[in-house]
Amino acid sequence: MKPVLASGTASVVKLLVATLAFAGAYVGVEASENASGQARANAADSRVETVNLSSDALSVPATEALKSGTVTVSAVVATAQGCDKPYKVQSVIDNEDPQDIVFYGWSLERWSPAAKKWRTYLTADSGFTGRTRVVEWQPRIVDNPGWYRVKLSITDQGVVDSEKFQVSC
């Protein structure tokens, strides 16, 4: 009976020591947070700096070249190797109700000479809230030369096609 009582007492003492250590650490962290918060408040009171931002400083060149209702496709030449052809596809989508979500989908289509029609090769979907947004997609065409085009489908706004382009190896 004595060994059981001794081991139980030892466990209680260990738990008590652990609890006191945890409480001490908690009080130390809380005190350090209060001190650093007061130091930040004092520093903020001593020096106030006003910064004026200009919309001219935040130019977005992509929106200048793009227009709503068009899809542009450009090859990413820097990373192209062999017959691995990455492309950058962009467009501008207008959202008349910034509180509402605009859903859109990209579709890369390849011309099928046998079927004499465009067939879907790759797709991607997305969406956003807010007003006007430049949207971008970066599909890759690997070992599949031919004629391609990109379609942008925008919910409640219709479909916009890019010009067709040729991929060769």
N, C-alpha and C. Protein backbone atom coordinates (compact mmCIF):
# COMPACT_ATOMS: atom_id res chain seq x y z
N MET A 1 0.83 -1.19 0.00
CA MET A 1 0.00 0.00 0.00
C MET A 1 0.87 1.24 0.00
N LYS A 2 2.01 1.22 0.69
CA LYS A 2 2.89 2.39 0.76
C LYS A 2 3.43 2.77 -0.63
N PRO A 3 3.86 1.76 -1.50
CA PRO A 3 4.36 2.17 -2.83
C PRO A 3 3.28 2.85 -3.67
N VAL A 4 2.03 2.38 -3.59
CA VAL A 4 0.95 2.98 -4.36
C VAL A 4 0.70 4.40 -3.88
N LEU A 5 0.67 4.60 -2.58
CA LEU A 5 0.45 5.92 -2.00
C LEU A 5 1.61 6.85 -2.35
N ALA A 6 2.83 6.34 -2.32
CA ALA A 6 4.01 7.15 -2.63
C ALA A 6 4.00 7.56 -4.10
N SER A 7 3.66 6.63 -4.99
CA SER A 7 3.65 6.98 -6.42
C SER A 7 2.51 7.95 -6.73
N GLY A 8 1.38 7.82 -6.05
CA GLY A 8 0.27 8.75 -6.24
C GLY A 8 0.63 10.14 -5.76
N THR A 9 1.33 10.21 -4.63
CA THR A 9 1.76 11.50 -4.09
C THR A 9 2.77 12.14 -5.03
N ALA A 10 3.67 11.32 -5.57
CA ALA A 10 4.68 11.85 -6.50
C ALA A 10 4.00 12.41 -7.75
N SER A 11 2.97 11.72 -8.24
CA SER A 11 2.25 12.20 -9.42
C SER A 11 1.55 13.53 -9.13
N VAL A 12 0.95 13.64 -7.95
CA VAL A 12 0.26 14.88 -7.58
C VAL A 12 1.26 16.01 -7.48
N VAL A 13 2.42 15.75 -6.90
CA VAL A 13 3.45 16.79 -6.78
C VAL A 13 3.93 17.21 -8.17
N LYS A 14 4.13 16.24 -9.09
CA LYS A 14 4.57 16.57 -10.45
C LYS A 14 3.52 17.43 -11.17
N LEU A 15 2.25 17.07 -11.02
CA LEU A 15 1.18 17.86 -11.64
C LEU A 15 1.12 19.27 -11.07
N LEU A 16 1.31 19.38 -9.76
CA LEU A 16 1.29 20.69 -9.11
C LEU A 16 2.44 21.56 -9.62
N VAL A 17 3.63 20.98 -9.74
CA VAL A 17 4.80 21.73 -10.23
C VAL A 17 4.56 22.15 -11.69
N ALA A 18 4.02 21.26 -12.52
CA ALA A 18 3.76 21.57 -13.92
C ALA A 18 2.72 22.69 -14.04
N THR A 19 1.68 22.63 -13.19
CA THR A 19 0.65 23.67 -13.22
C THR A 19 1.22 25.02 -12.82
N LEU A 20 2.05 25.04 -11.80
CA LEU A 20 2.67 26.30 -11.38
C LEU A 20 3.60 26.85 -12.45
N ALA A 21 4.34 25.96 -13.12
CA ALA A 21 5.25 26.40 -14.19
C ALA A 21 4.45 27.00 -15.35
N PHE A 22 3.35 26.34 -15.71
CA PHE A 22 2.51 26.85 -16.80
C PHE A 22 1.91 28.21 -16.44
N ALA A 23 1.41 28.33 -15.21
CA ALA A 23 0.82 29.61 -14.77
C ALA A 23 1.86 30.71 -14.78
N GLY A 24 3.08 30.39 -14.33
CA GLY A 24 4.16 31.40 -14.35
C GLY A 24 4.51 31.83 -15.76
N ALA A 25 4.57 30.88 -16.66
CA ALA A 25 4.88 31.21 -18.06
C ALA A 25 3.77 32.07 -18.65
N TYR A 26 2.51 31.75 -18.37
CA TYR A 26 1.38 32.52 -18.89
C TYR A 26 1.43 33.96 -18.39
N VAL A 27 1.69 34.13 -17.10
CA VAL A 27 1.76 35.48 -16.53
C VAL A 27 2.93 36.25 -17.16
N GLY A 28 4.05 35.57 -17.39
CA GLY A 28 5.21 36.22 -18.00
C GLY A 28 4.93 36.67 -19.43
N VAL A 29 4.26 35.84 -20.20
CA VAL A 29 3.92 36.20 -21.59
C VAL A 29 2.94 37.36 -21.61
N GLU A 30 1.93 37.31 -20.74
CA GLU A 30 0.94 38.38 -20.70
C GLU A 30 1.59 39.70 -20.30
N ALA A 31 2.51 39.67 -19.34
CA ALA A 31 3.20 40.89 -18.91
C ALA A 31 4.05 41.45 -20.04
N SER A 32 4.73 40.57 -20.77
CA SER A 32 5.59 41.04 -21.87
C SER A 32 4.75 41.62 -23.00
N GLU A 33 3.56 41.04 -23.27
CA GLU A 33 2.68 41.60 -24.31
C GLU A 33 2.17 42.97 -23.89
N ASN A 34 1.82 43.13 -22.62
CA ASN A 34 1.35 44.44 -22.14
C ASN A 34 2.45 45.48 -22.26
N ALA A 35 3.67 45.10 -21.93
CA ALA A 35 4.79 46.03 -21.99
C ALA A 35 5.08 46.43 -23.43
N SER A 36 5.08 45.48 -24.34
CA SER A 36 5.36 45.81 -25.74
C SER A 36 4.21 46.62 -26.34
N GLY A 37 2.98 46.35 -25.92
CA GLY A 37 1.84 47.13 -26.40
C GLY A 37 1.94 48.57 -25.93
N GLN A 38 2.36 48.78 -24.68
CA GLN A 38 2.53 50.14 -24.16
C GLN A 38 3.67 50.85 -24.89
N ALA A 39 4.74 50.13 -25.19
CA ALA A 39 5.86 50.74 -25.90
C ALA A 39 5.43 51.17 -27.30
N ARG A 40 4.64 50.33 -27.97
CA ARG A 40 4.13 50.70 -29.31
C ARG A 40 3.21 51.91 -29.22
N ALA A 41 2.35 51.95 -28.21
CA ALA A 41 1.43 53.08 -28.05
C ALA A 41 2.21 54.36 -27.81
N ASN A 42 3.25 54.30 -26.96
CA ASN A 42 4.07 55.48 -26.70
C ASN A 42 4.79 55.94 -27.96
N ALA A 43 5.31 55.00 -28.74
CA ALA A 43 6.01 55.35 -29.97
C ALA A 43 5.04 55.95 -30.98
N ALA A 44 3.82 55.43 -31.03
CA ALA A 44 2.83 55.95 -31.96
C ALA A 44 2.40 57.36 -31.59
N ASP A 45 2.30 57.63 -30.27
CA ASP A 45 1.92 58.96 -29.81
C ASP A 45 3.00 59.99 -30.10
N SER A 46 4.26 59.58 -30.01
CA SER A 46 5.34 60.54 -30.13
C SER A 46 5.59 60.97 -31.57
N ARG A 47 5.23 60.15 -32.56
CA ARG A 47 5.52 60.50 -33.95
C ARG A 47 4.37 60.08 -34.86
N VAL A 48 3.72 61.03 -35.47
CA VAL A 48 2.64 60.75 -36.39
C VAL A 48 3.09 61.23 -37.76
N GLU A 49 2.94 60.35 -38.75
CA GLU A 49 3.37 60.69 -40.10
C GLU A 49 2.20 60.45 -41.05
N THR A 50 1.89 61.44 -41.86
CA THR A 50 0.81 61.32 -42.82
C THR A 50 1.37 60.95 -44.18
N VAL A 51 0.76 59.97 -44.83
CA VAL A 51 1.20 59.54 -46.15
C VAL A 51 0.04 59.73 -47.12
N ASN A 52 0.29 60.44 -48.21
CA ASN A 52 -0.73 60.63 -49.25
C ASN A 52 -0.40 59.74 -50.42
N LEU A 53 -1.36 58.95 -50.86
CA LEU A 53 -1.18 58.07 -52.01
C LEU A 53 -1.88 58.67 -53.21
N SER A 54 -1.25 58.53 -54.35
CA SER A 54 -1.83 59.04 -55.58
C SER A 54 -2.17 57.87 -56.48
N SER A 55 -3.31 57.94 -57.14
CA SER A 55 -3.67 56.86 -58.06
C SER A 55 -2.75 56.85 -59.27
N ASP A 56 -2.09 57.97 -59.57
CA ASP A 56 -1.14 58.00 -60.67
C ASP A 56 0.07 57.13 -60.39
N ALA A 57 0.40 56.95 -59.13
CA ALA A 57 1.57 56.14 -58.77
C ALA A 57 1.30 54.65 -58.92
N LEU A 58 0.04 54.27 -58.98
CA LEU A 58 -0.31 52.86 -59.08
C LEU A 58 -0.79 52.53 -60.48
N SER A 59 0.09 52.57 -61.44
CA SER A 59 -0.33 52.29 -62.81
C SER A 59 -0.41 50.79 -63.04
N VAL A 60 -1.37 50.38 -63.81
CA VAL A 60 -1.56 48.98 -64.17
C VAL A 60 -1.48 48.88 -65.69
N PRO A 61 -0.29 48.60 -66.23
CA PRO A 61 -0.15 48.60 -67.68
C PRO A 61 -1.02 47.57 -68.38
N ALA A 62 -1.32 46.47 -67.71
CA ALA A 62 -2.10 45.42 -68.35
C ALA A 62 -3.49 45.92 -68.73
N THR A 63 -4.11 46.78 -67.89
CA THR A 63 -5.45 47.25 -68.19
C THR A 63 -5.45 48.26 -69.33
N GLU A 64 -4.33 48.96 -69.54
CA GLU A 64 -4.27 49.91 -70.64
C GLU A 64 -4.30 49.20 -71.98
N ALA A 65 -3.64 48.05 -72.08
CA ALA A 65 -3.57 47.32 -73.34
C ALA A 65 -4.81 46.45 -73.57
N LEU A 66 -5.50 46.09 -72.51
CA LEU A 66 -6.66 45.21 -72.62
C LEU A 66 -7.95 46.00 -72.60
N LYS A 67 -8.95 45.45 -73.24
CA LYS A 67 -10.28 46.05 -73.24
C LYS A 67 -11.29 44.97 -72.89
N SER A 68 -12.36 45.39 -72.27
CA SER A 68 -13.43 44.46 -71.98
C SER A 68 -14.00 43.95 -73.30
N GLY A 69 -14.26 42.66 -73.37
CA GLY A 69 -14.80 42.07 -74.58
C GLY A 69 -13.74 41.55 -75.54
N THR A 70 -12.48 41.54 -75.12
CA THR A 70 -11.41 40.98 -75.95
C THR A 70 -10.59 40.00 -75.12
N VAL A 71 -10.00 39.04 -75.80
CA VAL A 71 -9.11 38.07 -75.16
C VAL A 71 -7.78 38.13 -75.91
N THR A 72 -6.70 38.36 -75.17
CA THR A 72 -5.37 38.39 -75.80
C THR A 72 -4.60 37.15 -75.40
N VAL A 73 -3.85 36.61 -76.34
CA VAL A 73 -3.02 35.42 -76.11
C VAL A 73 -1.60 35.77 -76.53
N SER A 74 -0.65 35.51 -75.63
CA SER A 74 0.75 35.74 -75.98
C SER A 74 1.59 34.57 -75.47
N ALA A 75 2.59 34.22 -76.27
CA ALA A 75 3.49 33.12 -75.89
C ALA A 75 4.45 33.61 -74.82
N VAL A 76 4.72 32.75 -73.84
CA VAL A 76 5.72 33.04 -72.82
C VAL A 76 7.02 32.43 -73.33
N VAL A 77 7.79 33.22 -74.06
CA VAL A 77 8.96 32.72 -74.77
C VAL A 77 10.09 32.35 -73.82
N ALA A 78 10.24 33.06 -72.73
CA ALA A 78 11.38 32.86 -71.82
C ALA A 78 11.43 31.44 -71.25
N THR A 79 10.27 30.81 -71.06
CA THR A 79 10.26 29.48 -70.44
C THR A 79 9.96 28.36 -71.43
N ALA A 80 9.78 28.70 -72.71
CA ALA A 80 9.45 27.67 -73.70
C ALA A 80 10.67 26.81 -74.00
N GLN A 81 10.46 25.49 -73.99
CA GLN A 81 11.54 24.55 -74.31
C GLN A 81 10.97 23.45 -75.20
N GLY A 82 11.61 23.26 -76.36
CA GLY A 82 11.16 22.20 -77.26
C GLY A 82 9.72 22.41 -77.68
N CYS A 83 8.91 21.42 -77.42
CA CYS A 83 7.50 21.53 -77.79
C CYS A 83 6.62 21.69 -76.54
N ASP A 84 7.15 22.35 -75.52
CA ASP A 84 6.40 22.70 -74.32
C ASP A 84 6.15 24.20 -74.41
N LYS A 85 4.94 24.58 -74.81
CA LYS A 85 4.62 25.97 -75.11
C LYS A 85 3.67 26.57 -74.07
N PRO A 86 4.19 27.40 -73.15
CA PRO A 86 3.31 28.10 -72.21
C PRO A 86 2.77 29.39 -72.84
N TYR A 87 1.54 29.73 -72.50
CA TYR A 87 0.90 30.93 -73.02
C TYR A 87 0.29 31.73 -71.88
N LYS A 88 0.18 33.04 -72.09
CA LYS A 88 -0.47 33.93 -71.13
C LYS A 88 -1.71 34.49 -71.81
N VAL A 89 -2.87 34.23 -71.23
CA VAL A 89 -4.14 34.67 -71.78
C VAL A 89 -4.74 35.67 -70.81
N GLN A 90 -5.18 36.83 -71.32
CA GLN A 90 -5.73 37.87 -70.46
C GLN A 90 -6.99 38.48 -71.06
N SER A 91 -7.80 39.02 -70.18
CA SER A 91 -8.98 39.78 -70.59
C SER A 91 -9.39 40.68 -69.42
N VAL A 92 -10.32 41.56 -69.70
CA VAL A 92 -10.90 42.43 -68.67
C VAL A 92 -12.36 42.05 -68.54
N ILE A 93 -12.80 41.85 -67.31
CA ILE A 93 -14.21 41.54 -67.06
C ILE A 93 -14.79 42.65 -66.20
N ASP A 94 -15.92 43.20 -66.65
CA ASP A 94 -16.63 44.24 -65.89
C ASP A 94 -17.73 43.58 -65.07
N ASN A 95 -17.86 44.00 -63.82
CA ASN A 95 -18.93 43.53 -62.95
C ASN A 95 -19.77 44.74 -62.58
N GLU A 96 -20.98 44.81 -63.08
CA GLU A 96 -21.84 45.96 -62.82
C GLU A 96 -22.30 46.03 -61.37
N ASP A 97 -22.36 44.88 -60.69
CA ASP A 97 -22.76 44.84 -59.28
C ASP A 97 -21.59 44.32 -58.46
N PRO A 98 -20.78 45.21 -57.87
CA PRO A 98 -19.59 44.76 -57.15
C PRO A 98 -19.87 43.85 -55.95
N GLN A 99 -21.10 43.82 -55.48
CA GLN A 99 -21.47 42.94 -54.37
C GLN A 99 -21.73 41.52 -54.85
N ASP A 100 -21.93 41.36 -56.15
CA ASP A 100 -22.27 40.07 -56.73
C ASP A 100 -21.01 39.37 -57.24
N ILE A 101 -21.05 38.06 -57.32
CA ILE A 101 -19.91 37.27 -57.80
C ILE A 101 -20.04 37.08 -59.31
N VAL A 102 -18.93 37.30 -60.02
CA VAL A 102 -18.88 37.01 -61.45
C VAL A 102 -18.12 35.70 -61.62
N PHE A 103 -18.75 34.73 -62.24
CA PHE A 103 -18.09 33.46 -62.54
C PHE A 103 -17.68 33.47 -64.00
N TYR A 104 -16.47 32.94 -64.26
CA TYR A 104 -16.01 32.87 -65.64
C TYR A 104 -15.21 31.60 -65.85
N GLY A 105 -15.11 31.20 -67.10
CA GLY A 105 -14.38 29.99 -67.42
C GLY A 105 -13.56 30.16 -68.69
N TRP A 106 -12.34 29.64 -68.67
CA TRP A 106 -11.46 29.63 -69.83
C TRP A 106 -11.59 28.27 -70.52
N SER A 107 -11.47 28.28 -71.83
CA SER A 107 -11.47 27.04 -72.59
C SER A 107 -10.47 27.19 -73.74
N LEU A 108 -9.44 26.35 -73.74
CA LEU A 108 -8.48 26.31 -74.84
C LEU A 108 -8.99 25.26 -75.82
N GLU A 109 -9.23 25.67 -77.05
CA GLU A 109 -9.78 24.76 -78.04
C GLU A 109 -8.77 24.54 -79.17
N ARG A 110 -8.74 23.32 -79.68
CA ARG A 110 -7.83 22.94 -80.78
C ARG A 110 -8.68 22.59 -81.99
N TRP A 111 -8.24 23.06 -83.16
CA TRP A 111 -8.96 22.75 -84.40
C TRP A 111 -8.69 21.32 -84.80
N SER A 112 -9.76 20.57 -85.06
CA SER A 112 -9.65 19.19 -85.52
C SER A 112 -9.90 19.16 -87.02
N PRO A 113 -8.84 18.93 -87.84
CA PRO A 113 -9.04 18.87 -89.29
C PRO A 113 -9.95 17.70 -89.69
N ALA A 114 -9.88 16.59 -88.95
CA ALA A 114 -10.70 15.42 -89.28
C ALA A 114 -12.18 15.71 -89.05
N ALA A 115 -12.51 16.30 -87.91
CA ALA A 115 -13.91 16.58 -87.58
C ALA A 115 -14.37 17.93 -88.13
N LYS A 116 -13.41 18.75 -88.55
CA LYS A 116 -13.68 20.09 -89.05
C LYS A 116 -14.46 20.93 -88.04
N LYS A 117 -13.99 20.88 -86.77
CA LYS A 117 -14.58 21.71 -85.73
C LYS A 117 -13.58 21.89 -84.59
N TRP A 118 -13.87 22.87 -83.73
CA TRP A 118 -13.02 23.14 -82.57
C TRP A 118 -13.38 22.14 -81.47
N ARG A 119 -12.33 21.57 -80.83
CA ARG A 119 -12.53 20.63 -79.72
C ARG A 119 -11.82 21.17 -78.48
N THR A 120 -12.44 20.98 -77.33
CA THR A 120 -11.87 21.46 -76.08
C THR A 120 -10.59 20.70 -75.75
N TYR A 121 -9.55 21.44 -75.43
CA TYR A 121 -8.24 20.87 -75.10
C TYR A 121 -7.95 21.02 -73.60
N LEU A 122 -8.18 22.21 -73.03
CA LEU A 122 -8.00 22.49 -71.59
C LEU A 122 -9.09 23.43 -71.12
N THR A 123 -9.42 23.37 -69.82
CA THR A 123 -10.38 24.32 -69.26
C THR A 123 -9.94 24.75 -67.86
N ALA A 124 -10.45 25.88 -67.43
CA ALA A 124 -10.23 26.38 -66.06
C ALA A 124 -11.38 27.32 -65.72
N ASP A 125 -11.81 27.31 -64.46
CA ASP A 125 -12.91 28.16 -64.00
C ASP A 125 -12.48 28.99 -62.81
N SER A 126 -13.10 30.15 -62.64
CA SER A 126 -12.80 31.00 -61.50
C SER A 126 -13.94 32.00 -61.30
N GLY A 127 -13.73 32.97 -60.42
CA GLY A 127 -14.72 34.00 -60.16
C GLY A 127 -14.14 35.09 -59.28
N PHE A 128 -14.87 36.18 -59.12
CA PHE A 128 -14.42 37.28 -58.26
C PHE A 128 -15.60 38.17 -57.91
N THR A 129 -15.40 39.02 -56.90
CA THR A 129 -16.34 40.08 -56.57
C THR A 129 -15.62 41.40 -56.76
N GLY A 130 -16.37 42.46 -56.91
CA GLY A 130 -15.77 43.78 -57.14
C GLY A 130 -16.14 44.27 -58.53
N ARG A 131 -15.61 45.42 -58.90
CA ARG A 131 -15.92 46.01 -60.20
C ARG A 131 -15.14 45.35 -61.32
N THR A 132 -14.33 46.11 -62.02
CA THR A 132 -13.57 45.61 -63.17
C THR A 132 -12.32 44.88 -62.70
N ARG A 133 -11.99 43.79 -63.37
CA ARG A 133 -10.82 43.01 -63.00
C ARG A 133 -10.14 42.49 -64.25
N VAL A 134 -8.79 42.53 -64.26
CA VAL A 134 -8.00 41.88 -65.31
C VAL A 134 -7.87 40.42 -64.89
N VAL A 135 -8.32 39.52 -65.74
CA VAL A 135 -8.23 38.09 -65.43
C VAL A 135 -7.17 37.47 -66.33
N GLU A 136 -6.50 36.45 -65.80
CA GLU A 136 -5.37 35.85 -66.51
C GLU A 136 -5.40 34.34 -66.35
N TRP A 137 -4.92 33.66 -67.38
CA TRP A 137 -4.81 32.20 -67.37
C TRP A 137 -3.52 31.85 -68.08
N GLN A 138 -2.83 30.81 -67.63
CA GLN A 138 -1.57 30.41 -68.24
C GLN A 138 -1.58 28.93 -68.60
N PRO A 139 -2.20 28.60 -69.74
CA PRO A 139 -2.23 27.19 -70.17
C PRO A 139 -0.91 26.79 -70.83
N ARG A 140 -0.62 25.49 -70.87
CA ARG A 140 0.56 24.94 -71.54
C ARG A 140 0.10 23.95 -72.60
N ILE A 141 0.73 24.03 -73.75
CA ILE A 141 0.46 23.07 -74.82
C ILE A 141 1.75 22.27 -75.00
N VAL A 142 1.69 20.97 -74.77
CA VAL A 142 2.88 20.12 -74.81
C VAL A 142 2.73 19.07 -75.92
N ASP A 143 3.70 19.06 -76.84
CA ASP A 143 3.76 18.06 -77.92
C ASP A 143 2.46 17.92 -78.70
N ASN A 144 1.81 19.02 -79.01
CA ASN A 144 0.55 18.94 -79.76
C ASN A 144 0.41 20.16 -80.68
N PRO A 145 1.20 20.21 -81.77
CA PRO A 145 1.11 21.35 -82.68
C PRO A 145 -0.25 21.40 -83.37
N GLY A 146 -0.65 22.59 -83.78
CA GLY A 146 -1.92 22.77 -84.48
C GLY A 146 -2.44 24.18 -84.29
N TRP A 147 -3.69 24.39 -84.68
CA TRP A 147 -4.35 25.67 -84.53
C TRP A 147 -5.19 25.67 -83.25
N TYR A 148 -5.11 26.76 -82.50
CA TYR A 148 -5.81 26.88 -81.23
C TYR A 148 -6.53 28.23 -81.14
N ARG A 149 -7.48 28.29 -80.21
CA ARG A 149 -8.11 29.56 -79.82
C ARG A 149 -8.54 29.42 -78.36
N VAL A 150 -8.80 30.55 -77.73
CA VAL A 150 -9.24 30.56 -76.34
C VAL A 150 -10.61 31.19 -76.28
N LYS A 151 -11.50 30.57 -75.50
CA LYS A 151 -12.84 31.11 -75.27
C LYS A 151 -12.93 31.51 -73.80
N LEU A 152 -13.50 32.67 -73.56
CA LEU A 152 -13.78 33.13 -72.20
C LEU A 152 -15.29 33.22 -72.06
N SER A 153 -15.85 32.38 -71.17
CA SER A 153 -17.29 32.37 -70.91
C SER A 153 -17.55 33.07 -69.59
N ILE A 154 -18.37 34.11 -69.62
CA ILE A 154 -18.67 34.90 -68.43
C ILE A 154 -20.15 34.75 -68.14
N THR A 155 -20.47 34.33 -66.92
CA THR A 155 -21.87 34.13 -66.54
C THR A 155 -22.67 35.41 -66.76
N ASP A 156 -23.78 35.30 -67.42
CA ASP A 156 -24.71 36.39 -67.72
C ASP A 156 -24.11 37.47 -68.64
N GLN A 157 -22.93 37.23 -69.22
CA GLN A 157 -22.34 38.21 -70.14
C GLN A 157 -21.98 37.62 -71.49
N GLY A 158 -21.98 36.30 -71.62
CA GLY A 158 -21.72 35.68 -72.90
C GLY A 158 -20.32 35.09 -73.03
N VAL A 159 -19.90 34.89 -74.29
CA VAL A 159 -18.64 34.23 -74.61
C VAL A 159 -17.81 35.15 -75.51
N VAL A 160 -16.50 35.21 -75.24
CA VAL A 160 -15.58 35.99 -76.05
C VAL A 160 -14.50 35.05 -76.56
N ASP A 161 -14.22 35.09 -77.87
CA ASP A 161 -13.19 34.25 -78.48
C ASP A 161 -11.93 35.06 -78.76
N SER A 162 -10.79 34.41 -78.63
CA SER A 162 -9.54 35.04 -79.05
C SER A 162 -9.36 34.80 -80.55
N GLU A 163 -8.36 35.44 -81.10
CA GLU A 163 -7.98 35.12 -82.47
C GLU A 163 -7.36 33.71 -82.45
N LYS A 164 -7.43 32.99 -83.54
CA LYS A 164 -6.79 31.68 -83.58
C LYS A 164 -5.28 31.88 -83.72
N PHE A 165 -4.53 30.92 -83.19
CA PHE A 165 -3.07 31.00 -83.26
C PHE A 165 -2.52 29.59 -83.51
N GLN A 166 -1.35 29.55 -84.13
CA GLN A 166 -0.76 28.26 -84.50
C GLN A 166 0.38 27.91 -83.56
N VAL A 167 0.40 26.66 -83.12
CA VAL A 167 1.48 26.13 -82.29
C VAL A 167 2.26 25.15 -83.13
N SER A 168 3.57 25.36 -83.19
CA SER A 168 4.43 24.44 -83.94
C SER A 168 5.63 24.07 -83.08
N CYS A 169 6.24 22.93 -83.39
CA CYS A 169 7.40 22.48 -82.62
C CYS A 169 8.67 22.72 -83.43
